[in-house]
Amino acid sequence: MYSFMNDYSEGAHPKVLELLMKSNLEQNAGYGEDTHTAKAKEYIKKLLGNEKADIHFIPGGTQTNLIVISSFLRPYEGVIAADTGHINVHETGAIEATGHKVITVPNREGKVTPEDILEAVRFHSDEHMVKPGMVYISDSTELGTVYTREEIYKIRQLCNREGLLLFLDGARLGSALASGENDLELSDIAELTDVFYIGGTKNGALLGEALVIVKEELKANFRYLIKQRGALMAKGFVAGIQFEALFSDSLFFELGEHANEMAGRIGDTLKALGVEFLAPPVSNQLFPILPDEFLEELQEEFLFSVQKNMGNGESAVRFVTSWATTPASVEALCEFLKKRFKK
């Protein structure tokens, strides 16, 4: 059975494993103070065009989100996010458990807009309500869409005017940057946000996210905050080695391109069959709307998730491709879809 359930079902890219094996018996300094972590940071800073960026490697996305949000907000502040945002839907109240409210706004194909952010700021107008202190966005979004430079620039301008921090969740940034709709570079993201992260878990690493703090005022004593939240790994070099492998050349970007290419083949097949989508198919997440009567048959051959019941006997499902998705699995799904729609 082929899986299109997620982009973290496989282990790690062979080049990552090769470097882990090569360095396996080295005696490295702990807690991310090793030479491999230093190299990984050097590679990333070069791409950012920002030698002053503060980089930390954290095991997973939810940990990264809750550490960032709880560290940089005052106790009475909340974070604005799309109602589909990962911190609102898929993190079991992790942000609220730190004492901070997630202030949701309607998503626009998974994105937030300056207009909706401003409305939320104006609604939370006095000390009887949570005060917005941060805007959370993700690229790609939970619906697989990507932000343009102009869209983030406008959000950045609003954040500047309203005194809000801008935090970008980059769990799937590899796919986002490889999208045909993308016009951002890593250096643009470093310029436009206060803090963001580069996801390794979903793009070729065994685990790990590279958190990048850009705003100078947020950098001080951040390792204390990571440690307090249980995310300062004794074997921090394990994450450092993986990101060294991903960024010593163009591997990180190539893996995002592969995931998108595989998704593109499925998307093209669905389009040719006249299938509509819940959101534009531009990254490694696809949300086609399929007949409910077809789903049970499809589930016998492939793993995927049902995203939303659309009514009228149809549901939006999610197919996700990864850095390791094979052309053979994609061809099998495409052929299955063609045969089913010809019935």
Protein backbone atom coordinates (compact mmCIF):
# COMPACT_ATOMS: atom_id res chain seq x y z
CA MET A 1 0.00 0.00 0.00
CA TYR A 2 1.40 3.37 -1.04
CA SER A 3 1.26 6.18 1.50
CA PHE A 4 0.40 9.79 0.71
CA MET A 5 -0.55 10.44 4.33
CA ASN A 6 2.27 12.84 5.24
CA ASP A 7 5.83 13.92 4.49
CA TYR A 8 7.55 12.44 7.54
CA SER A 9 6.88 8.71 7.11
CA GLU A 10 10.41 7.97 5.87
CA GLY A 11 13.65 8.23 7.82
CA ALA A 12 16.30 10.54 6.39
CA HIS A 13 18.01 11.20 3.08
CA PRO A 14 21.05 8.91 2.53
CA LYS A 15 23.44 11.90 2.56
CA VAL A 16 22.18 12.81 6.02
CA LEU A 17 22.63 9.24 7.23
CA GLU A 18 26.06 9.07 5.60
CA LEU A 19 27.31 12.08 7.55
CA LEU A 20 25.74 10.76 10.75
CA MET A 21 27.56 7.43 10.26
CA LYS A 22 30.82 9.11 9.32
CA SER A 23 30.78 11.17 12.51
CA ASN A 24 29.15 8.50 14.68
CA LEU A 25 32.18 7.71 16.87
CA GLU A 26 33.36 11.29 17.20
CA GLN A 27 33.28 12.78 20.66
CA ASN A 28 31.34 16.00 20.19
CA ALA A 29 30.61 18.79 22.61
CA GLY A 30 27.05 18.73 23.92
CA TYR A 31 24.07 21.05 23.72
CA GLY A 32 24.75 22.33 20.22
CA GLU A 33 28.23 23.69 20.95
CA ASP A 34 29.96 21.32 18.54
CA THR A 35 31.76 21.95 15.25
CA HIS A 36 29.04 20.32 13.12
CA THR A 37 26.37 22.63 14.50
CA ALA A 38 28.71 25.57 13.92
CA LYS A 39 29.14 24.53 10.28
CA ALA A 40 25.40 24.13 9.78
CA LYS A 41 24.81 27.61 11.18
CA GLU A 42 27.52 29.04 8.94
CA TYR A 43 25.91 27.52 5.82
CA ILE A 44 22.46 28.83 6.74
CA LYS A 45 23.70 32.32 7.62
CA LYS A 46 25.38 32.55 4.22
CA LEU A 47 22.07 31.81 2.50
CA LEU A 48 20.29 34.31 4.73
CA GLY A 49 22.83 37.01 3.97
CA ASN A 50 22.78 37.76 7.69
CA GLU A 51 25.77 36.88 9.83
CA LYS A 52 24.04 38.23 12.93
CA ALA A 53 21.11 35.82 12.78
CA ASP A 54 20.75 33.71 15.91
CA ILE A 55 20.17 30.03 15.00
CA HIS A 56 19.03 27.23 17.30
CA PHE A 57 18.16 23.63 16.48
CA ILE A 58 14.99 22.32 18.15
CA PRO A 59 13.64 18.75 17.87
CA GLY A 60 10.17 19.43 16.45
CA GLY A 61 7.73 21.98 15.10
CA THR A 62 5.27 22.09 17.99
CA GLN A 63 8.12 22.57 20.46
CA THR A 64 9.51 25.35 18.29
CA ASN A 65 6.14 27.09 18.06
CA LEU A 66 5.39 27.00 21.76
CA ILE A 67 8.93 28.06 22.76
CA VAL A 68 8.89 31.03 20.39
CA ILE A 69 5.40 32.22 21.26
CA SER A 70 5.70 31.76 25.02
CA SER A 71 9.16 33.36 25.10
CA PHE A 72 8.42 36.50 23.14
CA LEU A 73 4.93 37.43 24.32
CA ARG A 74 4.09 39.17 27.57
CA PRO A 75 1.74 37.19 29.88
CA TYR A 76 -1.29 39.20 28.75
CA GLU A 77 -0.57 38.91 25.01
CA GLY A 78 -1.93 36.54 22.37
CA VAL A 79 -0.92 35.46 18.88
CA ILE A 80 -2.98 36.05 15.73
CA ALA A 81 -3.24 33.09 13.36
CA ALA A 82 -5.43 31.74 10.60
CA ASP A 83 -8.24 29.53 11.87
CA THR A 84 -6.58 26.69 9.93
CA GLY A 85 -3.17 27.42 11.47
CA HIS A 86 -1.18 24.56 12.93
CA ILE A 87 -0.98 26.22 16.35
CA ASN A 88 -4.77 26.46 16.42
CA VAL A 89 -5.78 23.07 15.01
CA HIS A 90 -3.02 20.50 15.39
CA GLU A 91 -1.08 21.20 18.56
CA THR A 92 -3.45 20.03 21.30
CA GLY A 93 -3.69 23.47 22.87
CA ALA A 94 0.09 23.70 23.30
CA ILE A 95 0.08 27.48 22.95
CA GLU A 96 -2.84 27.92 25.34
CA ALA A 97 -1.06 25.61 27.81
CA THR A 98 1.74 28.18 27.99
CA GLY A 99 -0.82 30.81 29.01
CA HIS A 100 -1.24 32.55 25.66
CA LYS A 101 -4.43 32.73 23.62
CA VAL A 102 -4.51 31.97 19.89
CA ILE A 103 -6.58 34.75 18.29
CA THR A 104 -7.99 33.29 15.09
CA VAL A 105 -8.91 35.11 11.90
CA PRO A 106 -10.58 33.60 8.81
CA ASN A 107 -8.13 31.89 6.48
CA ARG A 108 -7.93 32.95 2.84
CA GLU A 109 -6.76 29.74 1.17
CA GLY A 110 -4.80 29.05 4.33
CA LYS A 111 -3.32 32.55 4.56
CA VAL A 112 -3.95 35.60 6.73
CA THR A 113 -4.39 39.10 5.33
CA PRO A 114 -3.41 42.50 6.74
CA GLU A 115 -7.08 43.49 6.77
CA ASP A 116 -8.09 40.55 8.96
CA ILE A 117 -5.11 41.07 11.25
CA LEU A 118 -6.03 44.73 11.69
CA GLU A 119 -9.63 43.84 12.48
CA ALA A 120 -8.45 41.49 15.22
CA VAL A 121 -6.15 44.17 16.64
CA ARG A 122 -8.94 46.74 16.72
CA PHE A 123 -11.39 44.31 18.30
CA HIS A 124 -8.98 43.58 21.15
CA SER A 125 -9.05 47.19 22.22
CA ASP A 126 -8.54 47.36 25.99
CA GLU A 127 -7.18 45.65 29.08
CA HIS A 128 -10.28 43.47 29.48
CA MET A 129 -9.17 41.44 26.46
CA VAL A 130 -6.02 39.64 25.41
CA LYS A 131 -3.68 42.07 23.64
CA PRO A 132 -2.39 40.89 20.24
CA GLY A 133 1.40 40.75 20.33
CA MET A 134 2.39 38.53 17.42
CA VAL A 135 1.24 37.33 14.02
CA TYR A 136 1.85 33.67 13.15
CA ILE A 137 1.96 32.54 9.52
CA SER A 138 3.20 29.35 7.88
CA ASP A 139 4.81 28.77 4.51
CA SER A 140 3.57 26.59 3.03
CA THR A 141 0.21 26.89 4.75
CA GLU A 142 -1.95 24.11 6.15
CA LEU A 143 -3.74 24.10 2.79
CA GLY A 144 -0.52 23.85 0.80
CA THR A 145 -0.60 27.43 -0.50
CA VAL A 146 2.43 29.72 -0.42
CA TYR A 147 2.92 33.36 0.42
CA THR A 148 4.36 35.79 -2.10
CA ARG A 149 6.96 38.36 -1.14
CA GLU A 150 4.38 41.12 -1.58
CA GLU A 151 1.91 39.40 0.75
CA ILE A 152 4.46 39.02 3.54
CA TYR A 153 5.75 42.54 2.93
CA LYS A 154 2.26 43.96 3.51
CA ILE A 155 1.87 41.91 6.69
CA ARG A 156 5.29 43.15 7.80
CA GLN A 157 4.25 46.76 7.27
CA LEU A 158 1.11 46.26 9.35
CA CYS A 159 3.09 44.55 12.10
CA ASN A 160 5.46 47.52 12.20
CA ARG A 161 2.58 49.98 12.50
CA GLU A 162 0.78 47.99 15.20
CA GLY A 163 3.81 46.88 17.18
CA LEU A 164 3.38 43.17 16.41
CA LEU A 165 6.07 40.52 16.05
CA LEU A 166 5.97 38.42 12.87
CA PHE A 167 6.72 34.70 13.22
CA LEU A 168 6.85 32.32 10.24
CA ASP A 169 6.42 28.57 10.75
CA GLY A 170 8.60 26.94 8.11
CA ALA A 171 7.90 23.28 8.82
CA ARG A 172 7.34 22.86 5.06
CA LEU A 173 9.54 25.73 3.91
CA GLY A 174 11.51 23.42 1.62
CA SER A 175 8.40 22.73 -0.44
CA ALA A 176 7.26 26.35 -0.29
CA LEU A 177 10.55 27.69 -1.65
CA ALA A 178 10.45 25.16 -4.49
CA SER A 179 6.90 26.07 -5.52
CA GLY A 180 6.33 27.58 -8.95
CA GLU A 181 4.24 30.26 -7.21
CA ASN A 182 7.07 31.26 -4.87
CA ASP A 183 9.13 34.40 -5.35
CA LEU A 184 10.88 34.35 -1.95
CA GLU A 185 14.45 33.49 -1.04
CA LEU A 186 15.61 32.60 2.44
CA SER A 187 17.21 36.03 2.59
CA ASP A 188 13.81 37.65 1.94
CA ILE A 189 12.26 35.75 4.83
CA ALA A 190 15.09 36.83 7.11
CA GLU A 191 14.50 40.42 6.03
CA LEU A 192 10.71 40.39 6.46
CA THR A 193 10.17 38.41 9.67
CA ASP A 194 11.34 38.73 13.26
CA VAL A 195 11.72 35.00 13.76
CA PHE A 196 11.15 31.93 11.57
CA TYR A 197 12.25 28.36 11.24
CA ILE A 198 13.47 26.01 8.54
CA GLY A 199 11.87 22.59 8.77
CA GLY A 200 14.09 19.53 8.56
CA THR A 201 11.65 16.92 9.88
CA LYS A 202 9.51 17.15 6.74
CA ASN A 203 12.35 17.67 4.29
CA GLY A 204 15.00 14.99 4.57
CA ALA A 205 16.14 15.00 8.20
CA LEU A 206 15.36 12.39 10.82
CA LEU A 207 14.09 15.24 12.96
CA GLY A 208 14.81 18.86 13.76
CA GLU A 209 13.96 22.44 12.93
CA ALA A 210 16.40 25.33 12.50
CA LEU A 211 15.00 28.33 14.37
CA VAL A 212 16.28 31.67 13.12
CA ILE A 213 15.92 34.75 15.34
CA VAL A 214 16.44 37.94 13.35
CA LYS A 215 15.18 40.71 15.65
CA GLU A 216 18.04 41.74 17.90
CA GLU A 217 15.91 42.32 20.99
CA LEU A 218 14.71 38.71 20.98
CA LYS A 219 18.12 37.03 21.01
CA ALA A 220 19.32 37.48 24.57
CA ASN A 221 19.35 34.38 26.81
CA PHE A 222 17.26 32.33 24.40
CA ARG A 223 19.15 29.13 25.25
CA TYR A 224 17.79 29.45 28.81
CA LEU A 225 14.27 29.44 27.38
CA ILE A 226 14.96 26.40 25.19
CA LYS A 227 16.36 24.53 28.19
CA GLN A 228 13.41 25.46 30.39
CA ARG A 229 11.04 23.97 27.82
CA GLY A 230 13.00 20.73 27.65
CA ALA A 231 14.27 21.18 24.10
CA LEU A 232 18.00 21.82 24.61
CA MET A 233 19.31 18.43 23.54
CA ALA A 234 22.42 16.99 25.17
CA LYS A 235 23.21 15.39 21.81
CA GLY A 236 22.55 18.62 19.97
CA PHE A 237 25.20 17.62 17.45
CA VAL A 238 22.76 15.06 16.02
CA ALA A 239 20.60 17.89 14.71
CA GLY A 240 23.65 19.94 13.73
CA ILE A 241 25.05 17.11 11.61
CA GLN A 242 21.76 16.70 9.77
CA PHE A 243 21.47 20.38 8.88
CA GLU A 244 25.15 20.41 7.91
CA ALA A 245 24.34 17.68 5.38
CA LEU A 246 21.20 19.46 4.15
CA PHE A 247 22.89 22.84 3.64
CA SER A 248 26.50 22.04 2.73
CA ASP A 249 25.21 22.02 -0.85
CA SER A 250 21.76 22.42 -2.45
CA LEU A 251 20.31 19.20 -1.00
CA PHE A 252 17.63 20.90 1.11
CA PHE A 253 16.25 22.69 -1.93
CA GLU A 254 16.52 19.65 -4.20
CA LEU A 255 14.42 17.61 -1.78
CA GLY A 256 11.71 20.26 -1.78
CA GLU A 257 11.77 20.28 -5.57
CA HIS A 258 11.39 16.50 -5.69
CA ALA A 259 8.39 16.53 -3.34
CA ASN A 260 6.74 19.22 -5.45
CA GLU A 261 7.49 17.45 -8.72
CA MET A 262 5.81 14.29 -7.45
CA ALA A 263 2.81 16.28 -6.25
CA GLY A 264 2.70 18.13 -9.58
CA ARG A 265 2.29 14.87 -11.50
CA ILE A 266 -0.67 13.90 -9.33
CA GLY A 267 -2.12 17.39 -9.60
CA ASP A 268 -1.84 17.41 -13.38
CA THR A 269 -3.64 14.08 -13.58
CA LEU A 270 -6.45 15.31 -11.33
CA LYS A 271 -6.82 18.52 -13.34
CA ALA A 272 -7.00 16.56 -16.58
CA LEU A 273 -9.81 14.49 -15.05
CA GLY A 274 -11.73 17.67 -14.23
CA VAL A 275 -11.27 17.37 -10.46
CA GLU A 276 -11.60 20.57 -8.41
CA PHE A 277 -9.44 21.44 -5.41
CA LEU A 278 -10.13 22.88 -1.97
CA ALA A 279 -7.05 25.11 -2.42
CA PRO A 280 -4.73 25.71 -5.40
CA PRO A 281 -2.27 22.81 -5.79
CA VAL A 282 1.09 24.60 -5.68
CA SER A 283 3.24 22.62 -3.23
CA ASN A 284 3.58 19.07 -1.90
CA GLN A 285 0.10 19.06 -0.33
CA LEU A 286 -2.88 18.46 -2.62
CA PHE A 287 -6.55 18.79 -1.62
CA PRO A 288 -8.70 17.35 -4.42
CA ILE A 289 -12.46 17.09 -3.98
CA LEU A 290 -13.53 13.52 -4.69
CA PRO A 291 -16.82 11.57 -4.60
CA ASP A 292 -17.42 9.94 -1.22
CA GLU A 293 -18.39 6.68 -2.93
CA PHE A 294 -14.90 6.55 -4.36
CA LEU A 295 -13.02 6.97 -1.08
CA GLU A 296 -13.46 3.47 0.34
CA GLU A 297 -12.11 1.96 -2.87
CA LEU A 298 -9.20 4.41 -2.86
CA GLN A 299 -8.39 3.61 0.77
CA GLU A 300 -7.91 -0.04 -0.11
CA GLU A 301 -4.88 0.87 -2.21
CA PHE A 302 -3.49 4.12 -0.77
CA LEU A 303 -3.05 5.92 2.54
CA PHE A 304 -4.29 9.52 2.69
CA SER A 305 -6.46 11.68 4.95
CA VAL A 306 -9.94 13.09 4.50
CA GLN A 307 -9.76 16.84 5.09
CA LYS A 308 -13.33 18.12 4.87
CA ASN A 309 -16.82 16.92 4.01
CA MET A 310 -17.99 19.21 1.23
CA GLY A 311 -21.61 18.00 1.13
CA ASN A 312 -23.34 16.76 -2.03
CA GLY A 313 -21.60 13.42 -1.65
CA GLU A 314 -18.08 14.80 -1.95
CA SER A 315 -15.10 15.30 0.36
CA ALA A 316 -11.79 17.10 0.10
CA VAL A 317 -8.94 14.68 0.73
CA ARG A 318 -5.25 15.36 1.28
CA PHE A 319 -2.44 13.74 -0.67
CA VAL A 320 1.05 14.61 0.58
CA THR A 321 4.27 13.81 -1.24
CA SER A 322 7.74 13.87 0.29
CA TRP A 323 11.43 14.05 -0.55
CA ALA A 324 11.31 10.23 -0.73
CA THR A 325 8.11 9.71 -2.75
CA THR A 326 8.87 7.43 -5.67
CA PRO A 327 7.74 7.95 -9.27
CA ALA A 328 6.34 4.41 -9.12
CA SER A 329 3.97 5.25 -6.27
CA VAL A 330 2.84 8.41 -8.04
CA GLU A 331 2.26 6.49 -11.27
CA ALA A 332 0.22 3.89 -9.38
CA LEU A 333 -2.03 6.58 -7.88
CA CYS A 334 -2.43 8.39 -11.19
CA GLU A 335 -3.36 5.21 -13.04
CA PHE A 336 -5.84 4.28 -10.33
CA LEU A 337 -7.47 7.72 -10.59
CA LYS A 338 -7.67 7.53 -14.38
CA LYS A 339 -9.32 4.12 -14.32
CA ARG A 340 -11.80 5.13 -11.63
CA PHE A 341 -12.88 8.30 -13.39
CA LYS A 342 -13.35 6.46 -16.67
CA LYS A 343 -15.96 4.17 -15.11
